[in-house]
All heavy atoms as atom14 arrays in JSON, in Angstrom:
{
  "sequence": "GARYRASVQVRVDAPTGVYLQLCERHLLYPARCQNAYLALKPVADP",
  "atom14_mask": [
    [1, 1, 1, 1, 0, 0, 0, 0, 0, 0, 0, 0, 0, 0],
    [1, 1, 1, 1, 1, 0, 0, 0, 0, 0, 0, 0, 0, 0],
    [1, 1, 1, 1, 1, 1, 1, 1, 1, 1, 1, 0, 0, 0],
    [1, 1, 1, 1, 1, 1, 1, 1, 1, 1, 1, 1, 0, 0],
    [1, 1, 1, 1, 1, 1, 1, 1, 1, 1, 1, 0, 0, 0],
    [1, 1, 1, 1, 1, 0, 0, 0, 0, 0, 0, 0, 0, 0],
    [1, 1, 1, 1, 1, 1, 0, 0, 0, 0, 0, 0, 0, 0],
    [1, 1, 1, 1, 1, 1, 1, 0, 0, 0, 0, 0, 0, 0],
    [1, 1, 1, 1, 1, 1, 1, 1, 1, 0, 0, 0, 0, 0],
    [1, 1, 1, 1, 1, 1, 1, 0, 0, 0, 0, 0, 0, 0],
    [1, 1, 1, 1, 1, 1, 1, 1, 1, 1, 1, 0, 0, 0],
    [1, 1, 1, 1, 1, 1, 1, 0, 0, 0, 0, 0, 0, 0],
    [1, 1, 1, 1, 1, 1, 1, 1, 0, 0, 0, 0, 0, 0],
    [1, 1, 1, 1, 1, 0, 0, 0, 0, 0, 0, 0, 0, 0],
    [1, 1, 1, 1, 1, 1, 1, 0, 0, 0, 0, 0, 0, 0],
    [1, 1, 1, 1, 1, 1, 1, 0, 0, 0, 0, 0, 0, 0],
    [1, 1, 1, 1, 0, 0, 0, 0, 0, 0, 0, 0, 0, 0],
    [1, 1, 1, 1, 1, 1, 1, 0, 0, 0, 0, 0, 0, 0],
    [1, 1, 1, 1, 1, 1, 1, 1, 1, 1, 1, 1, 0, 0],
    [1, 1, 1, 1, 1, 1, 1, 1, 0, 0, 0, 0, 0, 0],
    [1, 1, 1, 1, 1, 1, 1, 1, 1, 0, 0, 0, 0, 0],
    [1, 1, 1, 1, 1, 1, 1, 1, 0, 0, 0, 0, 0, 0],
    [1, 1, 1, 1, 1, 1, 0, 0, 0, 0, 0, 0, 0, 0],
    [1, 1, 1, 1, 1, 1, 1, 1, 1, 0, 0, 0, 0, 0],
    [1, 1, 1, 1, 1, 1, 1, 1, 1, 1, 1, 0, 0, 0],
    [1, 1, 1, 1, 1, 1, 1, 1, 1, 1, 0, 0, 0, 0],
    [1, 1, 1, 1, 1, 1, 1, 1, 0, 0, 0, 0, 0, 0],
    [1, 1, 1, 1, 1, 1, 1, 1, 0, 0, 0, 0, 0, 0],
    [1, 1, 1, 1, 1, 1, 1, 1, 1, 1, 1, 1, 0, 0],
    [1, 1, 1, 1, 1, 1, 1, 0, 0, 0, 0, 0, 0, 0],
    [1, 1, 1, 1, 1, 0, 0, 0, 0, 0, 0, 0, 0, 0],
    [1, 1, 1, 1, 1, 1, 1, 1, 1, 1, 1, 0, 0, 0],
    [1, 1, 1, 1, 1, 1, 0, 0, 0, 0, 0, 0, 0, 0],
    [1, 1, 1, 1, 1, 1, 1, 1, 1, 0, 0, 0, 0, 0],
    [1, 1, 1, 1, 1, 1, 1, 1, 0, 0, 0, 0, 0, 0],
    [1, 1, 1, 1, 1, 0, 0, 0, 0, 0, 0, 0, 0, 0],
    [1, 1, 1, 1, 1, 1, 1, 1, 1, 1, 1, 1, 0, 0],
    [1, 1, 1, 1, 1, 1, 1, 1, 0, 0, 0, 0, 0, 0],
    [1, 1, 1, 1, 1, 0, 0, 0, 0, 0, 0, 0, 0, 0],
    [1, 1, 1, 1, 1, 1, 1, 1, 0, 0, 0, 0, 0, 0],
    [1, 1, 1, 1, 1, 1, 1, 1, 1, 0, 0, 0, 0, 0],
    [1, 1, 1, 1, 1, 1, 1, 0, 0, 0, 0, 0, 0, 0],
    [1, 1, 1, 1, 1, 1, 1, 0, 0, 0, 0, 0, 0, 0],
    [1, 1, 1, 1, 1, 0, 0, 0, 0, 0, 0, 0, 0, 0],
    [1, 1, 1, 1, 1, 1, 1, 1, 0, 0, 0, 0, 0, 0],
    [1, 1, 1, 1, 1, 1, 1, 0, 0, 0, 0, 0, 0, 0]
  ],
  "atom14_positions": [
    [[12.15, 8.63, -13.62], [11.31, 9.76, -13.94], [9.73, 9.45, -13.95], [9.0, 10.34, -14.13], [0.0, 0.0, 0.0], [0.0, 0.0, 0.0], [0.0, 0.0, 0.0], [0.0, 0.0, 0.0], [0.0, 0.0, 0.0], [0.0, 0.0, 0.0], [0.0, 0.0, 0.0], [0.0, 0.0, 0.0], [0.0, 0.0, 0.0], [0.0, 0.0, 0.0]],
    [[9.37, 8.17, -13.88], [7.95, 7.81, -14.1], [7.18, 8.02, -12.69], [7.76, 7.97, -11.66], [7.88, 6.35, -14.49], [0.0, 0.0, 0.0], [0.0, 0.0, 0.0], [0.0, 0.0, 0.0], [0.0, 0.0, 0.0], [0.0, 0.0, 0.0], [0.0, 0.0, 0.0], [0.0, 0.0, 0.0], [0.0, 0.0, 0.0], [0.0, 0.0, 0.0]],
    [[5.91, 8.16, -12.81], [4.95, 8.06, -11.72], [4.13, 6.76, -11.8], [4.0, 6.21, -12.93], [4.06, 9.28, -11.8], [4.67, 10.57, -11.36], [5.09, 10.49, -9.95], [5.6, 11.83, -9.44], [6.15, 11.94, -8.25], [6.23, 10.95, -7.43], [6.65, 13.15, -8.04], [0.0, 0.0, 0.0], [0.0, 0.0, 0.0], [0.0, 0.0, 0.0]],
    [[3.68, 6.28, -10.62], [3.11, 4.91, -10.53], [1.75, 5.03, -9.86], [1.46, 5.89, -9.01], [4.0, 4.03, -9.82], [5.39, 3.81, -10.52], [6.4, 4.71, -10.19], [5.57, 2.78, -11.36], [7.64, 4.55, -10.76], [6.82, 2.61, -11.96], [7.91, 3.54, -11.6], [9.08, 3.34, -12.25], [0.0, 0.0, 0.0], [0.0, 0.0, 0.0]],
    [[0.87, 4.14, -10.2], [-0.44, 3.99, -9.64], [-0.53, 2.4, -9.18], [-0.38, 1.62, -9.95], [-1.57, 4.39, -10.46], [-2.93, 4.14, -9.9], [-4.01, 4.78, -10.78], [-3.91, 6.26, -10.66], [-4.58, 6.93, -9.78], [-5.34, 6.22, -8.84], [-4.58, 8.27, -9.61], [0.0, 0.0, 0.0], [0.0, 0.0, 0.0], [0.0, 0.0, 0.0]],
    [[-1.0, 2.24, -7.93], [-1.2, 0.87, -7.41], [-2.68, 0.68, -7.31], [-3.52, 1.58, -6.98], [-0.62, 0.65, -6.1], [0.0, 0.0, 0.0], [0.0, 0.0, 0.0], [0.0, 0.0, 0.0], [0.0, 0.0, 0.0], [0.0, 0.0, 0.0], [0.0, 0.0, 0.0], [0.0, 0.0, 0.0], [0.0, 0.0, 0.0], [0.0, 0.0, 0.0]],
    [[-3.22, -0.6, -7.61], [-4.57, -0.93, -7.45], [-4.7, -2.3, -6.73], [-3.92, -3.17, -6.94], [-5.25, -1.1, -8.79], [-4.56, -1.95, -9.6], [0.0, 0.0, 0.0], [0.0, 0.0, 0.0], [0.0, 0.0, 0.0], [0.0, 0.0, 0.0], [0.0, 0.0, 0.0], [0.0, 0.0, 0.0], [0.0, 0.0, 0.0], [0.0, 0.0, 0.0]],
    [[-5.62, -2.44, -5.84], [-5.86, -3.65, -5.03], [-7.26, -3.94, -5.0], [-8.18, -3.07, -5.02], [-5.24, -3.43, -3.71], [-3.76, -3.2, -3.68], [-5.94, -2.39, -2.85], [0.0, 0.0, 0.0], [0.0, 0.0, 0.0], [0.0, 0.0, 0.0], [0.0, 0.0, 0.0], [0.0, 0.0, 0.0], [0.0, 0.0, 0.0], [0.0, 0.0, 0.0]],
    [[-7.58, -5.29, -4.84], [-8.81, -5.78, -4.41], [-8.51, -6.4, -3.1], [-7.92, -7.4, -3.01], [-9.34, -6.79, -5.38], [-10.05, -6.21, -6.62], [-10.72, -7.26, -7.47], [-10.11, -8.04, -8.25], [-12.1, -7.43, -7.3], [0.0, 0.0, 0.0], [0.0, 0.0, 0.0], [0.0, 0.0, 0.0], [0.0, 0.0, 0.0], [0.0, 0.0, 0.0]],
    [[-9.12, -5.83, -1.97], [-8.75, -6.22, -0.71], [-9.92, -6.41, 0.23], [-10.96, -5.76, 0.0], [-7.75, -5.18, -0.1], [-8.44, -3.73, 0.02], [-7.13, -5.66, 1.27], [0.0, 0.0, 0.0], [0.0, 0.0, 0.0], [0.0, 0.0, 0.0], [0.0, 0.0, 0.0], [0.0, 0.0, 0.0], [0.0, 0.0, 0.0], [0.0, 0.0, 0.0]],
    [[-9.82, -7.31, 1.25], [-10.78, -7.48, 2.17], [-10.27, -7.56, 3.6], [-9.18, -8.12, 3.84], [-11.47, -8.84, 1.98], [-12.57, -9.3, 2.88], [-13.03, -10.59, 2.65], [-12.15, -11.66, 2.76], [-12.29, -12.86, 2.26], [-13.37, -13.3, 1.67], [-11.28, -13.79, 2.39], [0.0, 0.0, 0.0], [0.0, 0.0, 0.0], [0.0, 0.0, 0.0]],
    [[-10.82, -6.82, 4.6], [-10.33, -6.86, 5.98], [-11.62, -7.07, 6.84], [-12.73, -6.8, 6.47], [-9.69, -5.46, 6.3], [-8.36, -5.36, 5.48], [-10.61, -4.35, 6.1], [0.0, 0.0, 0.0], [0.0, 0.0, 0.0], [0.0, 0.0, 0.0], [0.0, 0.0, 0.0], [0.0, 0.0, 0.0], [0.0, 0.0, 0.0], [0.0, 0.0, 0.0]],
    [[-11.39, -7.65, 8.06], [-12.45, -7.79, 8.92], [-12.33, -6.95, 10.12], [-13.09, -7.13, 11.17], [-12.55, -9.31, 9.36], [-11.13, -9.85, 9.96], [-10.36, -8.95, 10.28], [-10.99, -11.05, 10.02], [0.0, 0.0, 0.0], [0.0, 0.0, 0.0], [0.0, 0.0, 0.0], [0.0, 0.0, 0.0], [0.0, 0.0, 0.0], [0.0, 0.0, 0.0]],
    [[-11.34, -5.99, 10.17], [-11.24, -4.99, 11.27], [-10.47, -3.78, 10.62], [-9.81, -3.9, 9.61], [-10.44, -5.57, 12.32], [0.0, 0.0, 0.0], [0.0, 0.0, 0.0], [0.0, 0.0, 0.0], [0.0, 0.0, 0.0], [0.0, 0.0, 0.0], [0.0, 0.0, 0.0], [0.0, 0.0, 0.0], [0.0, 0.0, 0.0], [0.0, 0.0, 0.0]],
    [[-10.58, -2.64, 11.24], [-9.64, -1.53, 10.77], [-8.23, -1.92, 10.64], [-7.68, -2.39, 11.67], [-10.03, -0.44, 11.75], [-11.33, -0.8, 12.4], [-11.39, -2.27, 12.41], [0.0, 0.0, 0.0], [0.0, 0.0, 0.0], [0.0, 0.0, 0.0], [0.0, 0.0, 0.0], [0.0, 0.0, 0.0], [0.0, 0.0, 0.0], [0.0, 0.0, 0.0]],
    [[-7.65, -1.73, 9.53], [-6.31, -2.16, 9.2], [-5.57, -1.15, 8.36], [-6.11, -0.71, 7.41], [-6.39, -3.54, 8.54], [-7.06, -4.49, 9.25], [-4.86, -4.06, 8.29], [0.0, 0.0, 0.0], [0.0, 0.0, 0.0], [0.0, 0.0, 0.0], [0.0, 0.0, 0.0], [0.0, 0.0, 0.0], [0.0, 0.0, 0.0], [0.0, 0.0, 0.0]],
    [[-4.32, -0.89, 8.77], [-3.45, -0.07, 7.95], [-2.59, -0.79, 7.01], [-1.91, -1.75, 7.42], [0.0, 0.0, 0.0], [0.0, 0.0, 0.0], [0.0, 0.0, 0.0], [0.0, 0.0, 0.0], [0.0, 0.0, 0.0], [0.0, 0.0, 0.0], [0.0, 0.0, 0.0], [0.0, 0.0, 0.0], [0.0, 0.0, 0.0], [0.0, 0.0, 0.0]],
    [[-2.72, -0.5, 5.71], [-1.82, -1.15, 4.75], [-0.98, -0.2, 4.01], [-1.43, 0.91, 3.64], [-2.79, -1.84, 3.68], [-1.96, -2.41, 2.4], [-3.52, -3.06, 4.36], [0.0, 0.0, 0.0], [0.0, 0.0, 0.0], [0.0, 0.0, 0.0], [0.0, 0.0, 0.0], [0.0, 0.0, 0.0], [0.0, 0.0, 0.0], [0.0, 0.0, 0.0]],
    [[0.22, -0.5, 3.84], [1.28, 0.43, 3.24], [1.79, -0.15, 1.99], [2.23, -1.39, 1.92], [2.43, 0.6, 4.27], [3.22, 1.92, 4.05], [2.64, 3.17, 4.07], [4.58, 1.8, 3.74], [3.34, 4.22, 3.93], [5.29, 2.93, 3.58], [4.71, 4.23, 3.64], [5.47, 5.34, 3.47], [0.0, 0.0, 0.0], [0.0, 0.0, 0.0]],
    [[1.69, 0.6, 0.96], [2.15, 0.19, -0.44], [3.37, 1.03, -0.72], [3.36, 2.27, -0.5], [1.11, 0.3, -1.45], [-0.31, -0.35, -1.3], [-1.21, 0.02, -2.41], [-0.05, -1.83, -1.14], [0.0, 0.0, 0.0], [0.0, 0.0, 0.0], [0.0, 0.0, 0.0], [0.0, 0.0, 0.0], [0.0, 0.0, 0.0], [0.0, 0.0, 0.0]],
    [[4.46, 0.32, -1.18], [5.73, 1.12, -1.36], [6.46, 0.58, -2.51], [6.55, -0.61, -2.78], [6.56, 0.97, -0.14], [7.86, 1.84, -0.11], [8.63, 1.72, 1.1], [9.13, 0.61, 1.44], [8.67, 2.86, 1.95], [0.0, 0.0, 0.0], [0.0, 0.0, 0.0], [0.0, 0.0, 0.0], [0.0, 0.0, 0.0], [0.0, 0.0, 0.0]],
    [[6.97, 1.42, -3.4], [7.86, 1.05, -4.6], [9.14, 1.77, -4.29], [9.21, 3.03, -4.19], [7.21, 1.46, -5.91], [8.04, 1.14, -7.07], [8.37, -0.38, -7.19], [7.44, 1.75, -8.4], [0.0, 0.0, 0.0], [0.0, 0.0, 0.0], [0.0, 0.0, 0.0], [0.0, 0.0, 0.0], [0.0, 0.0, 0.0], [0.0, 0.0, 0.0]],
    [[10.24, 1.03, -4.18], [11.62, 1.56, -3.92], [12.6, 1.07, -4.85], [12.49, 0.04, -5.41], [12.05, 1.2, -2.5], [10.93, 1.84, -1.13], [0.0, 0.0, 0.0], [0.0, 0.0, 0.0], [0.0, 0.0, 0.0], [0.0, 0.0, 0.0], [0.0, 0.0, 0.0], [0.0, 0.0, 0.0], [0.0, 0.0, 0.0], [0.0, 0.0, 0.0]],
    [[13.56, 1.9, -5.09], [14.86, 1.41, -5.57], [15.55, 0.81, -4.47], [16.01, 1.35, -3.42], [15.77, 2.62, -6.15], [15.12, 3.4, -7.39], [15.88, 4.5, -7.75], [16.4, 5.26, -7.0], [16.08, 4.71, -8.93], [0.0, 0.0, 0.0], [0.0, 0.0, 0.0], [0.0, 0.0, 0.0], [0.0, 0.0, 0.0], [0.0, 0.0, 0.0]],
    [[15.75, -0.64, -4.6], [16.18, -1.42, -3.38], [16.91, -2.66, -3.9], [16.22, -3.37, -4.75], [14.96, -1.62, -2.5], [15.27, -2.49, -1.36], [13.98, -2.55, -0.43], [14.03, -3.5, 0.57], [13.05, -3.8, 1.44], [11.92, -3.1, 1.32], [13.2, -4.77, 2.42], [0.0, 0.0, 0.0], [0.0, 0.0, 0.0], [0.0, 0.0, 0.0]],
    [[18.0, -2.88, -3.46], [18.71, -4.15, -3.76], [18.11, -5.29, -2.92], [17.69, -6.29, -3.5], [20.14, -4.08, -3.42], [21.04, -5.24, -3.82], [21.41, -5.51, -5.1], [21.61, -6.22, -3.06], [22.09, -6.61, -5.12], [22.13, -7.07, -3.91], [0.0, 0.0, 0.0], [0.0, 0.0, 0.0], [0.0, 0.0, 0.0], [0.0, 0.0, 0.0]],
    [[18.18, -5.24, -1.68], [17.47, -6.28, -0.68], [16.98, -5.75, 0.49], [15.8, -5.78, 0.77], [18.5, -7.42, -0.53], [18.07, -8.67, 0.26], [16.91, -9.27, -0.5], [19.05, -9.63, 0.61], [0.0, 0.0, 0.0], [0.0, 0.0, 0.0], [0.0, 0.0, 0.0], [0.0, 0.0, 0.0], [0.0, 0.0, 0.0], [0.0, 0.0, 0.0]],
    [[17.85, -5.15, 1.37], [17.54, -4.69, 2.73], [17.25, -3.28, 2.86], [16.34, -2.87, 3.68], [18.53, -5.26, 3.74], [18.83, -6.76, 3.87], [19.92, -6.99, 4.8], [17.57, -7.46, 4.33], [0.0, 0.0, 0.0], [0.0, 0.0, 0.0], [0.0, 0.0, 0.0], [0.0, 0.0, 0.0], [0.0, 0.0, 0.0], [0.0, 0.0, 0.0]],
    [[17.94, -2.37, 2.08], [18.01, -1.04, 2.37], [17.26, -0.3, 1.13], [17.88, -0.27, 0.11], [19.35, -0.52, 2.57], [20.12, -1.27, 3.56], [21.0, -2.33, 3.27], [19.89, -1.03, 5.03], [21.71, -3.08, 4.25], [20.6, -1.68, 5.98], [21.46, -2.83, 5.6], [22.09, -3.45, 6.51], [0.0, 0.0, 0.0], [0.0, 0.0, 0.0]],
    [[16.27, 0.47, 1.35], [15.65, 1.3, 0.31], [16.37, 2.53, 0.08], [17.03, 3.12, 1.04], [14.21, 1.56, 0.85], [14.32, 1.54, 2.3], [15.44, 0.53, 2.73], [0.0, 0.0, 0.0], [0.0, 0.0, 0.0], [0.0, 0.0, 0.0], [0.0, 0.0, 0.0], [0.0, 0.0, 0.0], [0.0, 0.0, 0.0], [0.0, 0.0, 0.0]],
    [[16.39, 2.97, -1.18], [16.87, 4.29, -1.53], [15.65, 5.25, -1.75], [14.93, 5.5, -0.79], [17.77, 4.19, -2.7], [0.0, 0.0, 0.0], [0.0, 0.0, 0.0], [0.0, 0.0, 0.0], [0.0, 0.0, 0.0], [0.0, 0.0, 0.0], [0.0, 0.0, 0.0], [0.0, 0.0, 0.0], [0.0, 0.0, 0.0], [0.0, 0.0, 0.0]],
    [[15.37, 5.71, -2.88], [14.23, 6.55, -3.19], [12.98, 5.61, -3.21], [12.97, 4.49, -3.71], [14.41, 7.27, -4.54], [15.54, 8.36, -4.46], [15.72, 8.86, -5.85], [16.64, 10.03, -5.84], [16.24, 11.22, -5.89], [15.03, 11.58, -5.98], [17.25, 12.18, -5.78], [0.0, 0.0, 0.0], [0.0, 0.0, 0.0], [0.0, 0.0, 0.0]],
    [[11.91, 6.15, -2.6], [10.64, 5.43, -2.49], [9.51, 6.24, -2.88], [9.47, 7.52, -2.74], [10.44, 4.9, -1.07], [11.65, 3.62, -0.58], [0.0, 0.0, 0.0], [0.0, 0.0, 0.0], [0.0, 0.0, 0.0], [0.0, 0.0, 0.0], [0.0, 0.0, 0.0], [0.0, 0.0, 0.0], [0.0, 0.0, 0.0], [0.0, 0.0, 0.0]],
    [[8.44, 5.65, -3.38], [7.14, 6.19, -3.65], [6.15, 5.28, -2.85], [6.2, 4.14, -3.01], [6.73, 6.34, -5.13], [7.68, 7.16, -5.92], [7.29, 7.33, -7.4], [6.1, 7.09, -7.75], [8.19, 7.75, -8.28], [0.0, 0.0, 0.0], [0.0, 0.0, 0.0], [0.0, 0.0, 0.0], [0.0, 0.0, 0.0], [0.0, 0.0, 0.0]],
    [[5.23, 6.04, -2.1], [4.42, 5.33, -1.15], [2.94, 5.7, -1.26], [2.55, 6.76, -1.85], [4.86, 5.59, 0.26], [6.33, 5.62, 0.34], [7.08, 4.55, 0.41], [7.0, 6.87, 0.41], [0.0, 0.0, 0.0], [0.0, 0.0, 0.0], [0.0, 0.0, 0.0], [0.0, 0.0, 0.0], [0.0, 0.0, 0.0], [0.0, 0.0, 0.0]],
    [[2.1, 4.81, -0.66], [0.76, 5.12, -0.48], [0.25, 4.34, 0.75], [0.62, 3.2, 0.98], [-0.18, 4.65, -1.71], [0.0, 0.0, 0.0], [0.0, 0.0, 0.0], [0.0, 0.0, 0.0], [0.0, 0.0, 0.0], [0.0, 0.0, 0.0], [0.0, 0.0, 0.0], [0.0, 0.0, 0.0], [0.0, 0.0, 0.0], [0.0, 0.0, 0.0]],
    [[-0.57, 5.08, 1.64], [-1.05, 4.41, 2.77], [-2.62, 4.28, 2.65], [-3.39, 5.17, 2.23], [-0.79, 5.34, 4.04], [-1.41, 4.77, 5.28], [-0.86, 3.71, 6.0], [-2.59, 5.38, 5.87], [-1.37, 3.25, 7.2], [-3.14, 4.94, 7.04], [-2.54, 3.86, 7.65], [-3.17, 3.33, 8.78], [0.0, 0.0, 0.0], [0.0, 0.0, 0.0]],
    [[-3.08, 2.97, 3.0], [-4.55, 2.79, 2.93], [-5.08, 2.41, 4.33], [-4.63, 1.58, 4.99], [-4.77, 1.47, 2.03], [-4.21, 1.51, 0.68], [-4.48, 0.16, -0.11], [-4.66, 2.74, -0.16], [0.0, 0.0, 0.0], [0.0, 0.0, 0.0], [0.0, 0.0, 0.0], [0.0, 0.0, 0.0], [0.0, 0.0, 0.0], [0.0, 0.0, 0.0]],
    [[-5.99, 3.28, 4.81], [-6.64, 3.05, 6.06], [-7.95, 2.41, 5.79], [-8.97, 2.91, 5.42], [-6.96, 4.35, 6.71], [0.0, 0.0, 0.0], [0.0, 0.0, 0.0], [0.0, 0.0, 0.0], [0.0, 0.0, 0.0], [0.0, 0.0, 0.0], [0.0, 0.0, 0.0], [0.0, 0.0, 0.0], [0.0, 0.0, 0.0], [0.0, 0.0, 0.0]],
    [[-7.88, 1.06, 5.93], [-9.01, 0.14, 5.46], [-9.95, -0.14, 6.62], [-9.5, -0.27, 7.71], [-8.47, -1.11, 4.97], [-7.5, -1.03, 3.67], [-6.9, -2.39, 3.36], [-8.19, -0.33, 2.57], [0.0, 0.0, 0.0], [0.0, 0.0, 0.0], [0.0, 0.0, 0.0], [0.0, 0.0, 0.0], [0.0, 0.0, 0.0], [0.0, 0.0, 0.0]],
    [[-11.25, -0.22, 6.3], [-12.27, -0.59, 7.19], [-13.13, -1.58, 6.55], [-13.28, -1.65, 5.32], [-13.05, 0.6, 7.6], [-12.33, 1.69, 8.37], [-13.21, 2.83, 8.79], [-12.42, 3.88, 9.57], [-13.31, 4.99, 9.97], [0.0, 0.0, 0.0], [0.0, 0.0, 0.0], [0.0, 0.0, 0.0], [0.0, 0.0, 0.0], [0.0, 0.0, 0.0]],
    [[-13.72, -2.46, 7.34], [-14.61, -3.51, 6.75], [-15.77, -2.93, 6.07], [-16.29, -1.82, 6.44], [-15.1, -4.4, 7.95], [-14.06, -4.18, 9.05], [-13.57, -2.7, 8.77], [0.0, 0.0, 0.0], [0.0, 0.0, 0.0], [0.0, 0.0, 0.0], [0.0, 0.0, 0.0], [0.0, 0.0, 0.0], [0.0, 0.0, 0.0], [0.0, 0.0, 0.0]],
    [[-16.33, -3.57, 5.06], [-17.54, -3.02, 4.27], [-18.72, -3.04, 5.37], [-18.96, -4.13, 5.96], [-17.87, -3.86, 3.12], [-19.12, -3.5, 2.34], [-16.73, -3.8, 2.14], [0.0, 0.0, 0.0], [0.0, 0.0, 0.0], [0.0, 0.0, 0.0], [0.0, 0.0, 0.0], [0.0, 0.0, 0.0], [0.0, 0.0, 0.0], [0.0, 0.0, 0.0]],
    [[-19.35, -2.02, 5.46], [-20.41, -1.87, 6.36], [-21.63, -2.63, 6.17], [-22.3, -3.2, 6.95], [-20.76, -0.41, 6.68], [0.0, 0.0, 0.0], [0.0, 0.0, 0.0], [0.0, 0.0, 0.0], [0.0, 0.0, 0.0], [0.0, 0.0, 0.0], [0.0, 0.0, 0.0], [0.0, 0.0, 0.0], [0.0, 0.0, 0.0], [0.0, 0.0, 0.0]],
    [[-22.06, -2.67, 4.87], [-23.26, -3.43, 4.46], [-23.01, -4.94, 4.37], [-22.3, -5.39, 3.5], [-23.65, -2.79, 3.07], [-25.02, -3.41, 2.61], [-25.57, -4.3, 3.45], [-25.51, -3.03, 1.49], [0.0, 0.0, 0.0], [0.0, 0.0, 0.0], [0.0, 0.0, 0.0], [0.0, 0.0, 0.0], [0.0, 0.0, 0.0], [0.0, 0.0, 0.0]],
    [[-23.62, -5.68, 5.21], [-23.48, -7.16, 5.23], [-23.91, -7.85, 3.84], [-23.49, -8.89, 3.54], [-24.19, -7.59, 6.35], [-25.29, -6.64, 6.64], [-24.64, -5.25, 6.29], [0.0, 0.0, 0.0], [0.0, 0.0, 0.0], [0.0, 0.0, 0.0], [0.0, 0.0, 0.0], [0.0, 0.0, 0.0], [0.0, 0.0, 0.0], [0.0, 0.0, 0.0]]
  ]
}
């Protein structure tokens, strides 16, 4: 019944898609999942 929040400190050198996922999962097969998609880009200011 809980809700979740993910936090990251991340660095990329090109546009990159990162997927964060929390699932009820034994090993290979996920059941219920909560997800977040991050469309990351490099920091513009050198």
